[in-house]
C-alpha atoms as a PDB file:
ATOM      1  CA  UNK A   1     -17.188  16.474 -46.172  1.00  0.00           C
ATOM      2  CA  UNK A   2     -13.867  16.997 -44.413  1.00  0.00           C
ATOM      3  CA  UNK A   3     -12.507  14.762 -41.642  1.00  0.00           C
ATOM      4  CA  UNK A   4     -13.417  17.480 -39.138  1.00  0.00           C
ATOM      5  CA  UNK A   5     -17.005  17.454 -40.380  1.00  0.00           C
ATOM      6  CA  UNK A   6     -17.173  13.670 -40.005  1.00  0.00           C
ATOM      7  CA  UNK A   7     -15.827  14.010 -36.456  1.00  0.00           C
ATOM      8  CA  UNK A   8     -18.488  16.580 -35.606  1.00  0.00           C
ATOM      9  CA  UNK A   9     -21.231  14.324 -36.983  1.00  0.00           C
ATOM     10  CA  UNK A  10     -19.903  11.375 -34.974  1.00  0.00           C
ATOM     11  CA  UNK A  11     -19.676  13.437 -31.772  1.00  0.00           C
ATOM     12  CA  UNK A  12     -23.257  14.603 -32.248  1.00  0.00           C
ATOM     13  CA  UNK A  13     -24.398  10.986 -32.710  1.00  0.00           C
ATOM     14  CA  UNK A  14     -22.429   9.899 -29.640  1.00  0.00           C
ATOM     15  CA  UNK A  15     -23.960  12.686 -27.564  1.00  0.00           C
ATOM     16  CA  UNK A  16     -27.454  11.665 -28.668  1.00  0.00           C
ATOM     17  CA  UNK A  17     -26.770   8.012 -27.793  1.00  0.00           C
ATOM     18  CA  UNK A  18     -25.489   8.872 -24.317  1.00  0.00           C
ATOM     19  CA  UNK A  19     -28.475  11.125 -23.595  1.00  0.00           C
ATOM     20  CA  UNK A  20     -30.869   8.424 -24.795  1.00  0.00           C
ATOM     21  CA  UNK A  21     -29.137   5.860 -22.586  1.00  0.00           C
ATOM     22  CA  UNK A  22     -29.517   8.141 -19.559  1.00  0.00           C
ATOM     23  CA  UNK A  23     -33.241   8.337 -20.297  1.00  0.00           C
ATOM     24  CA  UNK A  24     -33.535   4.534 -20.132  1.00  0.00           C
ATOM     25  CA  UNK A  25     -31.092   3.587 -17.366  1.00  0.00           C
ATOM     26  CA  UNK A  26     -32.877   0.325 -16.609  1.00  0.00           C
ATOM     27  CA  UNK A  27     -32.433  -0.856 -20.179  1.00  0.00           C
ATOM     28  CA  UNK A  28     -28.724   0.034 -20.006  1.00  0.00           C
ATOM     29  CA  UNK A  29     -28.301  -1.903 -16.769  1.00  0.00           C
ATOM     30  CA  UNK A  30     -30.152  -5.001 -17.999  1.00  0.00           C
ATOM     31  CA  UNK A  31     -28.234  -5.249 -21.281  1.00  0.00           C
ATOM     32  CA  UNK A  32     -24.944  -4.639 -19.499  1.00  0.00           C
ATOM     33  CA  UNK A  33     -25.724  -7.548 -17.179  1.00  0.00           C
ATOM     34  CA  UNK A  34     -26.737  -9.773 -20.108  1.00  0.00           C
ATOM     35  CA  UNK A  35     -23.448  -9.116 -21.892  1.00  0.00           C
ATOM     36  CA  UNK A  36     -21.513  -9.541 -18.653  1.00  0.00           C
ATOM     37  CA  UNK A  37     -23.239 -12.895 -18.057  1.00  0.00           C
ATOM     38  CA  UNK A  38     -22.318 -14.022 -21.588  1.00  0.00           C
ATOM     39  CA  UNK A  39     -18.695 -13.086 -20.974  1.00  0.00           C
ATOM     40  CA  UNK A  40     -18.754 -14.908 -17.638  1.00  0.00           C
ATOM     41  CA  UNK A  41     -20.027 -18.090 -19.305  1.00  0.00           C
ATOM     42  CA  UNK A  42     -17.105 -18.013 -21.756  1.00  0.00           C
ATOM     43  CA  UNK A  43     -14.581 -17.566 -18.947  1.00  0.00           C
ATOM     44  CA  UNK A  44     -16.211 -20.311 -16.892  1.00  0.00           C
ATOM     45  CA  UNK A  45     -15.969 -22.653 -19.864  1.00  0.00           C
ATOM     46  CA  UNK A  46     -12.198 -22.113 -19.975  1.00  0.00           C
ATOM     47  CA  UNK A  47     -11.928 -22.940 -16.269  1.00  0.00           C
ATOM     48  CA  UNK A  48     -13.931 -26.153 -16.717  1.00  0.00           C
ATOM     49  CA  UNK A  49     -11.903 -27.275 -19.741  1.00  0.00           C
ATOM     50  CA  UNK A  50      -8.559 -26.745 -18.015  1.00  0.00           C
ATOM     51  CA  UNK A  51      -9.660 -28.760 -15.008  1.00  0.00           C
ATOM     52  CA  UNK A  52      -9.355 -31.773 -17.321  1.00  0.00           C
ATOM     53  CA  UNK A  53      -6.321 -30.815 -19.396  1.00  0.00           C
ATOM     54  CA  UNK A  54      -3.245 -28.608 -19.141  1.00  0.00           C
ATOM     55  CA  UNK A  55      -3.048 -27.615 -22.799  1.00  0.00           C
ATOM     56  CA  UNK A  56      -5.363 -27.010 -25.747  1.00  0.00           C
ATOM     57  CA  UNK A  57      -3.595 -26.782 -29.124  1.00  0.00           C
ATOM     58  CA  UNK A  58      -0.432 -25.854 -27.238  1.00  0.00           C
ATOM     59  CA  UNK A  59      -2.057 -23.055 -25.199  1.00  0.00           C
ATOM     60  CA  UNK A  60      -2.166 -23.232 -21.408  1.00  0.00           C
ATOM     61  CA  UNK A  61      -5.030 -21.839 -19.309  1.00  0.00           C
ATOM     62  CA  UNK A  62      -3.839 -18.241 -18.980  1.00  0.00           C
ATOM     63  CA  UNK A  63      -2.675 -18.049 -22.583  1.00  0.00           C
ATOM     64  CA  UNK A  64      -6.168 -19.137 -23.577  1.00  0.00           C
ATOM     65  CA  UNK A  65      -7.632 -16.585 -21.173  1.00  0.00           C
ATOM     66  CA  UNK A  66      -5.542 -13.894 -22.847  1.00  0.00           C
ATOM     67  CA  UNK A  67      -6.802 -15.022 -26.258  1.00  0.00           C
ATOM     68  CA  UNK A  68     -10.465 -15.084 -25.227  1.00  0.00           C
ATOM     69  CA  UNK A  69     -10.167 -11.777 -23.369  1.00  0.00           C
ATOM     70  CA  UNK A  70      -8.675 -10.148 -26.457  1.00  0.00           C
ATOM     71  CA  UNK A  71     -11.406 -11.554 -28.703  1.00  0.00           C
ATOM     72  CA  UNK A  72     -14.083 -10.315 -26.291  1.00  0.00           C
ATOM     73  CA  UNK A  73     -12.436  -6.867 -26.154  1.00  0.00           C
ATOM     74  CA  UNK A  74     -12.576  -6.518 -29.934  1.00  0.00           C
ATOM     75  CA  UNK A  75     -16.168  -7.712 -30.096  1.00  0.00           C
ATOM     76  CA  UNK A  76     -17.304  -5.430 -27.245  1.00  0.00           C
ATOM     77  CA  UNK A  77     -15.774  -2.458 -29.061  1.00  0.00           C
ATOM     78  CA  UNK A  78     -17.627  -3.475 -32.222  1.00  0.00           C
ATOM     79  CA  UNK A  79     -20.888  -3.830 -30.320  1.00  0.00           C
ATOM     80  CA  UNK A  80     -20.362  -0.468 -28.665  1.00  0.00           C
ATOM     81  CA  UNK A  81     -19.471   1.568 -31.734  1.00  0.00           C
ATOM     82  CA  UNK A  82     -21.214  -0.082 -34.701  1.00  0.00           C
ATOM     83  CA  UNK A  83     -23.605  -2.922 -33.864  1.00  0.00           C
ATOM     84  CA  UNK A  84     -26.876  -1.037 -33.296  1.00  0.00           C
ATOM     85  CA  UNK A  85     -26.493   1.037 -36.463  1.00  0.00           C
ATOM     86  CA  UNK A  86     -25.592  -1.894 -38.720  1.00  0.00           C
ATOM     87  CA  UNK A  87     -28.205  -4.135 -37.089  1.00  0.00           C
ATOM     88  CA  UNK A  88     -30.881  -1.751 -38.364  1.00  0.00           C
ATOM     89  CA  UNK A  89     -29.477  -1.803 -41.914  1.00  0.00           C
ATOM     90  CA  UNK A  90     -31.662  -4.679 -43.081  1.00  0.00           C
ATOM     91  CA  UNK A  91     -34.820  -3.071 -41.720  1.00  0.00           C
ATOM     92  CA  UNK A  92     -33.901   0.295 -43.232  1.00  0.00           C
ATOM     93  CA  UNK A  93     -33.372  -1.292 -46.658  1.00  0.00           C
ATOM     94  CA  UNK A  94     -36.708  -3.131 -46.516  1.00  0.00           C
ATOM     95  CA  UNK A  95     -38.667  -0.053 -45.400  1.00  0.00           C
ATOM     96  CA  UNK A  96     -36.899   2.407 -47.680  1.00  0.00           C
ATOM     97  CA  UNK A  97     -35.441   4.355 -44.752  1.00  0.00           C
ATOM     98  CA  UNK A  98     -31.961   3.730 -46.142  1.00  0.00           C
ATOM     99  CA  UNK A  99     -32.691   6.476 -48.701  1.00  0.00           C
ATOM    100  CA  UNK A 100     -32.350   8.892 -45.790  1.00  0.00           C
ATOM    101  CA  UNK A 101     -28.648   8.017 -45.516  1.00  0.00           C
ATOM    102  CA  UNK A 102     -28.139   8.252 -49.282  1.00  0.00           C
ATOM    103  CA  UNK A 103     -29.544  11.769 -49.228  1.00  0.00           C
ATOM    104  CA  UNK A 104     -27.094  12.962 -46.581  1.00  0.00           C
ATOM    105  CA  UNK A 105     -23.872  14.716 -47.666  1.00  0.00           C
ATOM    106  CA  UNK A 106     -21.558  12.212 -45.968  1.00  0.00           C
ATOM    107  CA  UNK A 107     -20.470   8.765 -47.138  1.00  0.00           C
ATOM    108  CA  UNK A 108     -23.504   6.420 -46.851  1.00  0.00           C
ATOM    109  CA  UNK A 109     -21.556   3.674 -45.068  1.00  0.00           C
ATOM    110  CA  UNK A 110     -20.238   6.095 -42.452  1.00  0.00           C
ATOM    111  CA  UNK A 111     -23.644   7.672 -41.896  1.00  0.00           C
ATOM    112  CA  UNK A 112     -25.383   4.285 -41.674  1.00  0.00           C
ATOM    113  CA  UNK A 113     -22.866   2.591 -39.379  1.00  0.00           C
ATOM    114  CA  UNK A 114     -22.073   5.335 -36.842  1.00  0.00           C
ATOM    115  CA  UNK A 115     -25.502   6.744 -36.089  1.00  0.00           C
ATOM    116  CA  UNK A 116     -25.809   5.011 -32.718  1.00  0.00           C
ATOM    117  CA  UNK A 117     -23.501   3.944 -29.911  1.00  0.00           C
ATOM    118  CA  UNK A 118     -24.136   1.262 -27.290  1.00  0.00           C
ATOM    119  CA  UNK A 119     -22.659   2.437 -23.969  1.00  0.00           C
ATOM    120  CA  UNK A 120     -23.340  -0.990 -22.437  1.00  0.00           C
ATOM    121  CA  UNK A 121     -21.005  -2.628 -24.952  1.00  0.00           C
ATOM    122  CA  UNK A 122     -18.337  -0.020 -24.322  1.00  0.00           C
ATOM    123  CA  UNK A 123     -18.713  -0.482 -20.553  1.00  0.00           C
ATOM    124  CA  UNK A 124     -18.118  -4.208 -20.840  1.00  0.00           C
ATOM    125  CA  UNK A 125     -15.030  -3.611 -22.971  1.00  0.00           C
ATOM    126  CA  UNK A 126     -13.448  -2.408 -19.737  1.00  0.00           C
ATOM    127  CA  UNK A 127     -14.241  -5.812 -18.186  1.00  0.00           C
ATOM    128  CA  UNK A 128     -12.671  -7.562 -21.183  1.00  0.00           C
ATOM    129  CA  UNK A 129      -9.582  -5.386 -20.814  1.00  0.00           C
ATOM    130  CA  UNK A 130      -9.449  -6.415 -17.157  1.00  0.00           C
ATOM    131  CA  UNK A 131      -9.482 -10.085 -18.211  1.00  0.00           C
ATOM    132  CA  UNK A 132      -6.551  -9.393 -20.551  1.00  0.00           C
ATOM    133  CA  UNK A 133      -4.649  -7.658 -17.762  1.00  0.00           C
ATOM    134  CA  UNK A 134      -5.315 -10.514 -15.316  1.00  0.00           C
ATOM    135  CA  UNK A 135      -4.130 -13.121 -17.826  1.00  0.00           C
ATOM    136  CA  UNK A 136      -0.998 -11.087 -18.584  1.00  0.00           C
ATOM    137  CA  UNK A 137      -0.256 -10.836 -14.859  1.00  0.00           C
ATOM    138  CA  UNK A 138      -0.635 -14.601 -14.391  1.00  0.00           C
ATOM    139  CA  UNK A 139       1.688 -15.196 -17.347  1.00  0.00           C
ATOM    140  CA  UNK A 140       4.295 -12.930 -15.785  1.00  0.00           C
ATOM    141  CA  UNK A 141       4.309 -10.548 -18.736  1.00  0.00           C
ATOM    142  CA  UNK A 142       5.920  -7.125 -18.424  1.00  0.00           C
ATOM    143  CA  UNK A 143       5.034  -5.331 -21.679  1.00  0.00           C
ATOM    144  CA  UNK A 144       6.901  -2.192 -22.670  1.00  0.00           C
ATOM    145  CA  UNK A 145       5.234   0.904 -24.086  1.00  0.00           C
ATOM    146  CA  UNK A 146       6.042  -0.385 -27.562  1.00  0.00           C
ATOM    147  CA  UNK A 147       4.432  -3.750 -26.752  1.00  0.00           C
ATOM    148  CA  UNK A 148       1.271  -2.004 -25.540  1.00  0.00           C
ATOM    149  CA  UNK A 149       1.177   0.180 -28.649  1.00  0.00           C
ATOM    150  CA  UNK A 150       1.571  -2.900 -30.860  1.00  0.00           C
ATOM    151  CA  UNK A 151      -1.187  -4.698 -28.961  1.00  0.00           C
ATOM    152  CA  UNK A 152      -3.511  -1.682 -29.324  1.00  0.00           C
ATOM    153  CA  UNK A 153      -2.753  -1.495 -33.042  1.00  0.00           C
ATOM    154  CA  UNK A 154      -3.538  -5.180 -33.531  1.00  0.00           C
ATOM    155  CA  UNK A 155      -6.773  -4.819 -31.547  1.00  0.00           C
ATOM    156  CA  UNK A 156      -7.723  -1.905 -33.818  1.00  0.00           C
ATOM    157  CA  UNK A 157      -6.926  -4.067 -36.865  1.00  0.00           C
ATOM    158  CA  UNK A 158      -9.125  -6.804 -35.388  1.00  0.00           C
ATOM    159  CA  UNK A 159     -11.930  -4.273 -34.952  1.00  0.00           C
ATOM    160  CA  UNK A 160     -11.633  -3.370 -38.648  1.00  0.00           C
ATOM    161  CA  UNK A 161     -11.845  -7.071 -39.578  1.00  0.00           C
ATOM    162  CA  UNK A 162     -14.909  -7.610 -37.381  1.00  0.00           C
ATOM    163  CA  UNK A 163     -16.535  -4.472 -38.799  1.00  0.00           C
ATOM    164  CA  UNK A 164     -15.868  -5.634 -42.366  1.00  0.00           C
ATOM    165  CA  UNK A 165     -17.334  -9.090 -41.725  1.00  0.00           C
ATOM    166  CA  UNK A 166     -20.428  -7.535 -40.136  1.00  0.00           C
ATOM    167  CA  UNK A 167     -20.887  -5.140 -43.070  1.00  0.00           C
ATOM    168  CA  UNK A 168     -20.517  -8.017 -45.549  1.00  0.00           C
ATOM    169  CA  UNK A 169     -23.098 -10.009 -43.613  1.00  0.00           C
ATOM    170  CA  UNK A 170     -25.647  -7.217 -43.276  1.00  0.00           C
ATOM    171  CA  UNK A 171     -25.194  -6.139 -46.911  1.00  0.00           C
ATOM    172  CA  UNK A 172     -27.020  -9.336 -47.905  1.00  0.00           C
ATOM    173  CA  UNK A 173     -30.201  -7.426 -47.090  1.00  0.00           C
ATOM    174  CA  UNK A 174     -29.792  -5.573 -50.411  1.00  0.00           C
ATOM    175  CA  UNK A 175     -30.260  -8.841 -52.357  1.00  0.00           C
ATOM    176  CA  UNK A 176     -32.376 -11.057 -50.128  1.00  0.00           C
ATOM    177  CA  UNK A 177     -36.128 -10.540 -49.995  1.00  0.00           C
ATOM    178  CA  UNK A 178     -36.149 -11.503 -46.326  1.00  0.00           C
ATOM    179  CA  UNK A 179     -32.911 -10.883 -44.432  1.00  0.00           C
ATOM    180  CA  UNK A 180     -34.305 -11.657 -41.009  1.00  0.00           C
ATOM    181  CA  UNK A 181     -31.730 -13.086 -38.573  1.00  0.00           C
ATOM    182  CA  UNK A 182     -28.826 -12.799 -41.033  1.00  0.00           C
ATOM    183  CA  UNK A 183     -26.874 -11.155 -38.221  1.00  0.00           C
ATOM    184  CA  UNK A 184     -26.580 -14.652 -36.772  1.00  0.00           C
ATOM    185  CA  UNK A 185     -24.130 -15.439 -39.579  1.00  0.00           C
ATOM    186  CA  UNK A 186     -21.777 -12.801 -38.198  1.00  0.00           C
ATOM    187  CA  UNK A 187     -21.875 -14.287 -34.698  1.00  0.00           C
ATOM    188  CA  UNK A 188     -21.181 -17.745 -36.117  1.00  0.00           C
ATOM    189  CA  UNK A 189     -18.052 -16.461 -37.849  1.00  0.00           C
ATOM    190  CA  UNK A 190     -17.017 -14.350 -34.851  1.00  0.00           C
ATOM    191  CA  UNK A 191     -16.987 -17.420 -32.600  1.00  0.00           C
ATOM    192  CA  UNK A 192     -13.802 -18.582 -34.346  1.00  0.00           C
ATOM    193  CA  UNK A 193     -11.879 -15.544 -33.069  1.00  0.00           C
ATOM    194  CA  UNK A 194     -11.738 -17.164 -29.620  1.00  0.00           C
ATOM    195  CA  UNK A 195     -10.078 -20.359 -30.857  1.00  0.00           C
ATOM    196  CA  UNK A 196      -6.326 -20.995 -31.251  1.00  0.00           C
ATOM    197  CA  UNK A 197      -4.903 -20.758 -34.748  1.00  0.00           C
ATOM    198  CA  UNK A 198      -3.468 -24.290 -34.366  1.00  0.00           C
ATOM    199  CA  UNK A 199      -6.979 -25.749 -34.103  1.00  0.00           C
ATOM    200  CA  UNK A 200      -7.639 -25.091 -37.798  1.00  0.00           C
ATOM    201  CA  UNK A 201      -6.453 -27.355 -40.579  1.00  0.00           C
ATOM    202  CA  UNK A 202      -6.991 -27.633 -44.313  1.00  0.00           C
ATOM    203  CA  UNK A 203     -10.034 -25.874 -45.755  1.00  0.00           C
ATOM    204  CA  UNK A 204     -11.078 -24.348 -42.422  1.00  0.00           C
ATOM    205  CA  UNK A 205      -7.664 -22.701 -42.127  1.00  0.00           C
ATOM    206  CA  UNK A 206      -7.976 -21.214 -45.603  1.00  0.00           C
ATOM    207  CA  UNK A 207     -11.497 -19.901 -44.946  1.00  0.00           C
ATOM    208  CA  UNK A 208     -11.184 -18.527 -41.417  1.00  0.00           C
ATOM    209  CA  UNK A 209      -7.544 -17.407 -41.490  1.00  0.00           C
ATOM    210  CA  UNK A 210      -7.208 -16.014 -45.026  1.00  0.00           C
ATOM    211  CA  UNK A 211     -10.637 -15.507 -46.651  1.00  0.00           C
ATOM    212  CA  UNK A 212     -12.649 -14.412 -43.586  1.00  0.00           C
ATOM    213  CA  UNK A 213      -9.781 -13.864 -41.108  1.00  0.00           C
ATOM    214  CA  UNK A 214     -11.850 -14.137 -37.934  1.00  0.00           C
ATOM    215  CA  UNK A 215      -9.193 -16.351 -36.302  1.00  0.00           C
ATOM    216  CA  UNK A 216      -6.569 -13.622 -36.756  1.00  0.00           C
ATOM    217  CA  UNK A 217      -8.605 -11.155 -34.663  1.00  0.00           C
ATOM    218  CA  UNK A 218      -7.783 -12.790 -31.329  1.00  0.00           C
ATOM    219  CA  UNK A 219      -4.641 -14.716 -32.185  1.00  0.00           C
ATOM    220  CA  UNK A 220      -2.603 -11.856 -33.673  1.00  0.00           C
ATOM    221  CA  UNK A 221      -2.732  -9.560 -30.599  1.00  0.00           C
ATOM    222  CA  UNK A 222      -2.454 -12.361 -28.016  1.00  0.00           C
ATOM    223  CA  UNK A 223       0.323 -14.510 -29.509  1.00  0.00           C
ATOM    224  CA  UNK A 224       3.212 -11.981 -29.579  1.00  0.00           C
ATOM    225  CA  UNK A 225       2.676 -11.411 -25.877  1.00  0.00           C
ATOM    226  CA  UNK A 226       3.849 -14.844 -24.819  1.00  0.00           C
ATOM    227  CA  UNK A 227       5.677 -16.530 -27.729  1.00  0.00           C
END
């Protein structure tokens, strides 16, 4: 298949997902509110922490807000574009439905990971982007077009890292007899993307900065903005 063919397949899948979402508007609204509540809890936690200290690992409140907002942006994009499809991977392997993807002319990983979109995740990525913009305003940042392009590129790189970690996690379903709840392993690793790089020492630094670079996802885009 050519790149144009892959694009057409993805557009068809996106169209199907949007139409299905419009058929179940209540479900879209509820899940959007759930994700928004989760994001609000994370932001509230930052506010509470910085009522008792002015710095965490050398990061002030708005620097931390920029870091967390960036991490949430990357994760919301992952949830919007890939989560639903990869979440079903374990079930498809157990039931034999994964053979359907192997029989298709496209690359199995592409076909299995882009079949569905979650518009609620994509909608909340706009909220995360708003958090990033608010933090940048409070820090007095005035990014140039090049700075914005660099930030977007690093966010895209973070999305690739998140996607790779999720694929590695869900691929365990090919070897484990029961892979129920293995997606929780991804969320455990993803939590580290909202923490400052300076908080990791020794073995944890090696694991979560170099082996499974979850820490890099949020720190790499946020740090150049204020250092």
